[in-house]
Amino acid sequence: MPPFHGERMRTYGQVMGNVTKQVINQWKIGQLFCVRSSTQAIAMRVILKAVFGINEGSPCH
């Protein structure tokens, strides 16, 4: 299963890290936030970007 080896997995890792940083940067110090909503947002964005190649705000054609 080549999609789950080597360079491809390193790319997925970078996508996961970048998306996680984007979500975490939205958190405000001293304010409560829902962890479930944050992890769902991370999961959805990673799936859209890594699997489907869709970026947030991209037009769907």
Protein backbone atom coordinates (compact mmCIF):
# COMPACT_ATOMS: atom_id res chain seq x y z
CA MET A 1 0.00 0.00 0.00
CA PRO A 2 2.29 2.80 -1.25
CA PRO A 3 0.08 5.68 -0.02
CA PHE A 4 0.94 4.66 3.56
CA HIS A 5 4.73 4.49 3.27
CA GLY A 6 7.75 6.76 3.24
CA GLU A 7 7.48 10.22 1.78
CA ARG A 8 3.69 10.10 1.56
CA MET A 9 3.40 9.53 5.32
CA ARG A 10 5.84 12.38 6.00
CA THR A 11 3.61 14.62 3.89
CA TYR A 12 0.52 13.51 5.84
CA GLY A 13 2.39 14.29 9.07
CA GLN A 14 3.19 17.80 7.86
CA VAL A 15 -0.44 18.36 6.87
CA MET A 16 -1.62 17.16 10.30
CA GLY A 17 0.87 19.42 12.08
CA ASN A 18 0.01 22.49 10.00
CA VAL A 19 -3.75 22.02 10.40
CA THR A 20 -3.38 21.45 14.15
CA LYS A 21 -1.36 24.66 14.50
CA GLN A 22 -4.06 26.58 12.59
CA VAL A 23 -6.77 25.32 14.94
CA ILE A 24 -4.72 25.86 18.11
CA ASN A 25 -3.90 29.43 17.02
CA GLN A 26 -7.64 30.20 17.20
CA TRP A 27 -7.74 29.39 20.92
CA LYS A 28 -7.80 32.42 23.23
CA ILE A 29 -5.81 32.42 26.46
CA GLY A 30 -8.16 32.43 29.44
CA GLN A 31 -11.21 31.39 27.40
CA LEU A 32 -12.83 27.99 27.54
CA PHE A 33 -13.08 25.98 24.33
CA CYS A 34 -14.58 22.68 23.30
CA VAL A 35 -11.87 20.09 22.72
CA ARG A 36 -14.25 17.89 20.74
CA SER A 37 -15.03 20.71 18.29
CA SER A 38 -11.33 21.43 17.86
CA THR A 39 -10.40 17.80 17.23
CA GLN A 40 -13.32 17.40 14.82
CA ALA A 41 -12.17 20.48 12.92
CA ILE A 42 -8.62 19.11 12.76
CA ALA A 43 -9.81 15.72 11.53
CA MET A 44 -12.10 17.18 8.86
CA ARG A 45 -9.48 19.61 7.55
CA VAL A 46 -6.80 16.91 7.43
CA ILE A 47 -9.12 14.55 5.54
CA LEU A 48 -10.14 17.24 3.06
CA LYS A 49 -6.57 18.37 2.46
CA ALA A 50 -4.60 15.11 2.60
CA VAL A 51 -7.10 12.74 1.05
CA PHE A 52 -9.06 14.94 -1.34
CA GLY A 53 -6.60 17.79 -1.91
CA ILE A 54 -9.19 20.41 -0.96
CA ASN A 55 -8.07 23.53 0.91
CA GLU A 56 -10.43 25.51 3.11
CA GLY A 57 -12.02 28.26 1.06
CA SER A 58 -11.24 26.52 -2.25
CA PRO A 59 -14.03 26.49 -4.78
CA CYS A 60 -15.33 23.00 -5.53
CA HIS A 61 -15.47 22.15 -9.21
